[in-house]
N, C-alpha and C. Protein backbone atom coordinates (compact mmCIF):
# COMPACT_ATOMS: atom_id res chain seq x y z
N MET A 1 18.51 -16.90 -2.40
CA MET A 1 17.31 -16.58 -1.57
C MET A 1 17.88 -16.48 -0.21
N VAL A 2 17.48 -15.61 0.38
CA VAL A 2 18.17 -15.42 2.01
C VAL A 2 17.37 -16.20 2.78
N ASN A 3 18.10 -16.86 3.72
CA ASN A 3 17.42 -17.75 4.76
C ASN A 3 17.09 -16.73 5.93
N ALA A 4 15.78 -16.54 6.45
CA ALA A 4 15.42 -15.78 7.41
C ALA A 4 15.61 -16.47 8.77
N SER A 5 15.99 -17.65 8.89
CA SER A 5 16.30 -18.44 10.07
C SER A 5 17.52 -17.88 10.79
N GLY A 6 17.50 -17.81 11.97
CA GLY A 6 18.79 -17.28 12.75
C GLY A 6 19.48 -18.61 13.32
N ALA A 7 20.36 -18.41 14.34
CA ALA A 7 21.13 -19.52 14.94
C ALA A 7 19.95 -20.36 15.56
N GLY A 8 19.88 -21.66 15.35
CA GLY A 8 18.94 -22.49 15.98
C GLY A 8 17.80 -22.81 15.12
N GLY A 9 17.75 -22.17 13.93
CA GLY A 9 16.50 -22.29 12.91
C GLY A 9 15.40 -21.55 13.55
N LYS A 10 15.33 -20.51 14.54
CA LYS A 10 14.08 -19.61 14.90
C LYS A 10 14.20 -18.47 13.70
N LYS A 11 12.88 -18.34 13.20
CA LYS A 11 12.70 -17.12 12.47
C LYS A 11 12.86 -15.85 13.00
N HIS A 12 13.29 -14.85 12.39
CA HIS A 12 13.27 -13.49 12.70
C HIS A 12 11.78 -13.16 13.09
N TRP A 13 11.44 -12.18 13.99
CA TRP A 13 10.17 -11.88 14.24
C TRP A 13 9.51 -11.10 13.17
N LEU A 14 9.95 -10.34 12.23
CA LEU A 14 9.28 -9.91 11.23
C LEU A 14 8.87 -10.80 10.04
N VAL A 15 9.33 -12.00 10.20
CA VAL A 15 9.10 -13.06 9.11
C VAL A 15 8.10 -14.00 9.56
N ARG A 16 7.75 -14.08 10.99
CA ARG A 16 6.84 -15.00 11.50
C ARG A 16 5.38 -14.49 10.69
N PRO A 17 4.58 -15.63 10.63
CA PRO A 17 3.12 -15.23 10.03
C PRO A 17 2.27 -14.66 10.98
N SER A 18 2.68 -15.04 12.38
CA SER A 18 1.66 -14.36 13.28
C SER A 18 1.95 -12.79 13.41
N THR A 19 3.27 -12.36 13.26
CA THR A 19 3.68 -11.07 13.43
C THR A 19 3.25 -10.33 12.20
N ILE A 20 3.31 -10.77 10.97
CA ILE A 20 2.83 -10.38 9.72
C ILE A 20 1.25 -9.89 9.78
N LYS A 21 0.43 -10.95 10.19
CA LYS A 21 -0.96 -10.82 10.29
C LYS A 21 -1.31 -9.78 11.42
N GLY A 22 -0.54 -9.77 12.49
CA GLY A 22 -0.72 -8.81 13.58
C GLY A 22 -0.31 -7.28 13.13
N LEU A 23 0.66 -7.19 12.19
CA LEU A 23 1.04 -5.96 11.54
C LEU A 23 -0.11 -5.40 10.52
N TRP A 24 -0.55 -6.34 9.88
CA TRP A 24 -1.80 -5.98 8.87
C TRP A 24 -2.96 -5.62 9.61
N VAL A 25 -3.30 -6.48 10.67
CA VAL A 25 -4.61 -5.94 11.59
C VAL A 25 -4.26 -4.59 12.26
N GLY A 26 -2.96 -4.42 12.74
CA GLY A 26 -2.98 -3.11 13.50
C GLY A 26 -2.93 -1.89 12.58
N GLY A 27 -2.38 -2.23 11.35
CA GLY A 27 -2.26 -1.13 10.44
C GLY A 27 -3.58 -0.74 9.92
N ILE A 28 -4.40 -1.75 9.56
CA ILE A 28 -5.78 -1.35 9.16
C ILE A 28 -6.68 -0.77 10.28
N ALA A 29 -6.47 -1.38 11.46
CA ALA A 29 -7.26 -0.52 12.58
C ALA A 29 -6.78 0.78 12.69
N PHE A 30 -5.47 1.03 12.60
CA PHE A 30 -5.06 2.41 12.72
C PHE A 30 -5.40 3.30 11.61
N LEU A 31 -5.50 2.95 10.37
CA LEU A 31 -6.09 3.70 9.27
C LEU A 31 -7.62 3.82 9.44
N ALA A 32 -8.45 2.93 9.90
CA ALA A 32 -9.69 3.04 10.18
C ALA A 32 -9.98 4.01 11.18
N ALA A 33 -9.12 4.00 12.29
CA ALA A 33 -9.33 5.03 13.44
C ALA A 33 -8.94 6.40 12.86
N LEU A 34 -7.99 6.68 12.05
CA LEU A 34 -7.62 7.89 11.48
C LEU A 34 -8.98 8.37 10.52
N VAL A 35 -9.38 7.53 9.84
CA VAL A 35 -10.77 7.76 9.01
C VAL A 35 -11.86 8.30 9.92
N GLY A 36 -12.17 7.36 10.92
CA GLY A 36 -13.09 7.80 12.02
C GLY A 36 -12.86 9.18 12.61
N ALA A 37 -11.51 9.43 12.89
CA ALA A 37 -11.36 10.55 13.63
C ALA A 37 -11.81 11.89 12.66
N GLY A 38 -11.63 11.71 11.50
CA GLY A 38 -12.16 12.74 10.55
C GLY A 38 -13.48 13.21 10.69
N ALA A 39 -14.35 12.43 11.35
CA ALA A 39 -15.56 12.87 11.46
C ALA A 39 -15.77 13.84 12.63
N PHE A 40 -14.66 14.07 13.55
CA PHE A 40 -14.66 14.90 14.56
C PHE A 40 -13.70 16.14 14.29
N VAL A 41 -13.11 16.18 13.26
CA VAL A 41 -12.34 17.27 12.99
C VAL A 41 -12.81 18.10 11.83
N HIS A 42 -12.86 19.48 12.14
CA HIS A 42 -13.33 20.39 11.09
C HIS A 42 -12.26 20.72 10.07
N GLY A 43 -12.45 20.21 8.96
CA GLY A 43 -11.41 20.82 7.76
C GLY A 43 -11.93 21.94 7.07
N HIS A 44 -10.87 22.62 6.43
CA HIS A 44 -11.24 23.90 5.77
C HIS A 44 -10.93 23.37 4.25
N ALA A 45 -12.17 23.12 3.57
CA ALA A 45 -12.17 22.63 2.19
C ALA A 45 -11.84 23.89 1.32
N TYR A 46 -11.28 23.54 0.27
CA TYR A 46 -11.08 24.76 -0.78
C TYR A 46 -11.92 24.58 -2.00
N PHE A 47 -12.27 23.13 -2.11
CA PHE A 47 -13.21 22.75 -3.15
C PHE A 47 -14.47 21.94 -2.57
N GLU A 48 -15.48 21.76 -3.20
CA GLU A 48 -16.41 20.93 -2.49
C GLU A 48 -16.21 19.47 -2.32
N VAL A 49 -15.53 18.98 -3.18
CA VAL A 49 -15.21 17.66 -3.15
C VAL A 49 -14.25 17.22 -1.88
N ASP A 50 -13.22 18.13 -1.62
CA ASP A 50 -12.45 17.84 -0.64
C ASP A 50 -12.96 18.07 0.73
N GLY A 51 -14.06 18.38 0.72
CA GLY A 51 -14.76 18.66 2.04
C GLY A 51 -15.70 17.24 2.50
N SER A 52 -15.66 16.42 1.61
CA SER A 52 -16.43 15.06 1.69
C SER A 52 -15.76 14.29 2.81
N PHE A 53 -16.63 13.45 3.48
CA PHE A 53 -16.03 12.33 4.52
C PHE A 53 -14.97 11.50 3.91
N ALA A 54 -14.02 11.36 4.49
CA ALA A 54 -12.82 10.41 4.17
C ALA A 54 -12.21 10.65 2.82
N PHE A 55 -12.16 12.09 2.42
CA PHE A 55 -11.98 12.44 0.99
C PHE A 55 -10.31 11.83 0.84
N TYR A 56 -9.57 12.10 1.69
CA TYR A 56 -8.14 11.90 1.45
C TYR A 56 -7.90 10.37 1.39
N ALA A 57 -8.70 9.52 2.24
CA ALA A 57 -8.53 8.11 2.08
C ALA A 57 -8.90 7.57 0.79
N TRP A 58 -9.98 8.03 0.26
CA TRP A 58 -10.51 7.47 -1.01
C TRP A 58 -9.79 7.99 -2.01
N TYR A 59 -9.35 9.37 -2.03
CA TYR A 59 -8.43 9.96 -3.05
C TYR A 59 -7.13 9.14 -3.09
N GLY A 60 -6.70 9.09 -2.11
CA GLY A 60 -5.24 8.34 -1.97
C GLY A 60 -5.38 6.88 -2.48
N PHE A 61 -6.31 6.26 -2.27
CA PHE A 61 -6.74 4.86 -2.72
C PHE A 61 -6.75 4.92 -4.26
N ALA A 62 -7.61 5.97 -4.72
CA ALA A 62 -7.92 6.05 -6.33
C ALA A 62 -6.65 6.34 -6.98
N THR A 63 -5.92 7.14 -6.53
CA THR A 63 -4.62 7.65 -7.17
C THR A 63 -3.62 6.35 -7.12
N CYS A 64 -3.41 5.67 -5.91
CA CYS A 64 -2.50 4.68 -5.92
C CYS A 64 -2.83 3.68 -7.03
N ALA A 65 -4.19 3.22 -7.07
CA ALA A 65 -4.71 2.35 -8.16
C ALA A 65 -4.32 2.84 -9.66
N ALA A 66 -4.69 4.02 -9.73
CA ALA A 66 -4.50 4.67 -11.01
C ALA A 66 -2.97 4.40 -11.57
N MET A 67 -2.14 4.67 -10.53
CA MET A 67 -0.68 4.57 -10.70
C MET A 67 -0.24 3.15 -11.08
N VAL A 68 -0.92 2.29 -10.39
CA VAL A 68 -0.59 0.72 -10.76
C VAL A 68 -1.08 0.47 -12.12
N VAL A 69 -2.29 0.94 -12.55
CA VAL A 69 -2.92 0.60 -13.83
C VAL A 69 -1.91 1.30 -14.84
N ALA A 70 -1.39 2.60 -14.60
CA ALA A 70 -0.45 3.32 -15.38
C ALA A 70 0.98 2.50 -15.56
N ALA A 71 1.44 2.08 -14.45
CA ALA A 71 2.67 1.16 -14.62
C ALA A 71 2.58 -0.04 -15.25
N LYS A 72 1.40 -0.74 -15.28
CA LYS A 72 1.13 -1.99 -15.90
C LYS A 72 1.09 -1.48 -17.39
N GLY A 73 0.37 -0.30 -17.96
CA GLY A 73 0.50 0.20 -19.19
C GLY A 73 1.82 0.37 -19.51
N LEU A 74 2.71 1.13 -19.03
CA LEU A 74 4.01 1.38 -19.29
C LEU A 74 4.87 0.16 -19.54
N GLY A 75 4.51 -1.02 -18.66
CA GLY A 75 5.36 -2.23 -18.76
C GLY A 75 4.88 -2.83 -19.98
N ILE A 76 3.63 -2.74 -20.55
CA ILE A 76 3.36 -3.36 -21.54
C ILE A 76 4.02 -2.60 -23.06
N LEU A 77 3.90 -1.30 -22.74
CA LEU A 77 4.46 -0.43 -23.93
C LEU A 77 6.03 -0.39 -24.09
N LEU A 78 6.65 -0.61 -22.87
CA LEU A 78 8.16 -0.75 -23.01
C LEU A 78 8.77 -1.92 -23.00
N LYS A 79 7.91 -3.14 -22.80
CA LYS A 79 8.52 -4.52 -22.68
C LYS A 79 9.42 -4.77 -23.96
N ARG A 80 10.52 -5.56 -23.76
CA ARG A 80 11.14 -6.12 -24.73
C ARG A 80 11.22 -7.55 -24.82
N ARG A 81 11.43 -8.08 -25.93
CA ARG A 81 11.53 -9.54 -25.98
C ARG A 81 12.66 -10.21 -25.12
N ASP A 82 12.31 -11.46 -24.75
CA ASP A 82 13.24 -12.17 -23.78
C ASP A 82 14.67 -12.20 -24.31
N ASP A 83 14.92 -12.22 -25.53
CA ASP A 83 16.13 -12.51 -26.28
C ASP A 83 16.58 -11.12 -26.98
N TYR A 84 16.25 -10.07 -26.26
CA TYR A 84 16.73 -8.74 -26.75
C TYR A 84 18.12 -8.53 -26.76
N TYR A 85 18.90 -8.88 -25.82
CA TYR A 85 20.21 -8.80 -25.68
C TYR A 85 20.93 -9.69 -26.32
N ASP A 86 20.36 -10.71 -26.78
CA ASP A 86 21.20 -11.85 -27.35
C ASP A 86 21.44 -11.51 -28.88
N VAL A 87 22.78 -11.67 -29.37
CA VAL A 87 23.01 -11.21 -30.74
C VAL A 87 23.10 -12.23 -31.77
């Protein structure tokens, strides 16, 4: 395990809990602003569904969730016993 403490025991700024919380809050605020800005931008939809409000946000979330579920399923399907390499 790598120690994130530098000289003097001070943690790197990316490992501090306050920085991590600030990055989460800032990222969520930025994404919410992008979704909100979609209300003021006219998009040219090819299909009816992709013209709905925040389509790319919820579609991206649903796709990511589906990939996680598929990866879990593949993990179960391709799993080997713990002593697979023991002869």
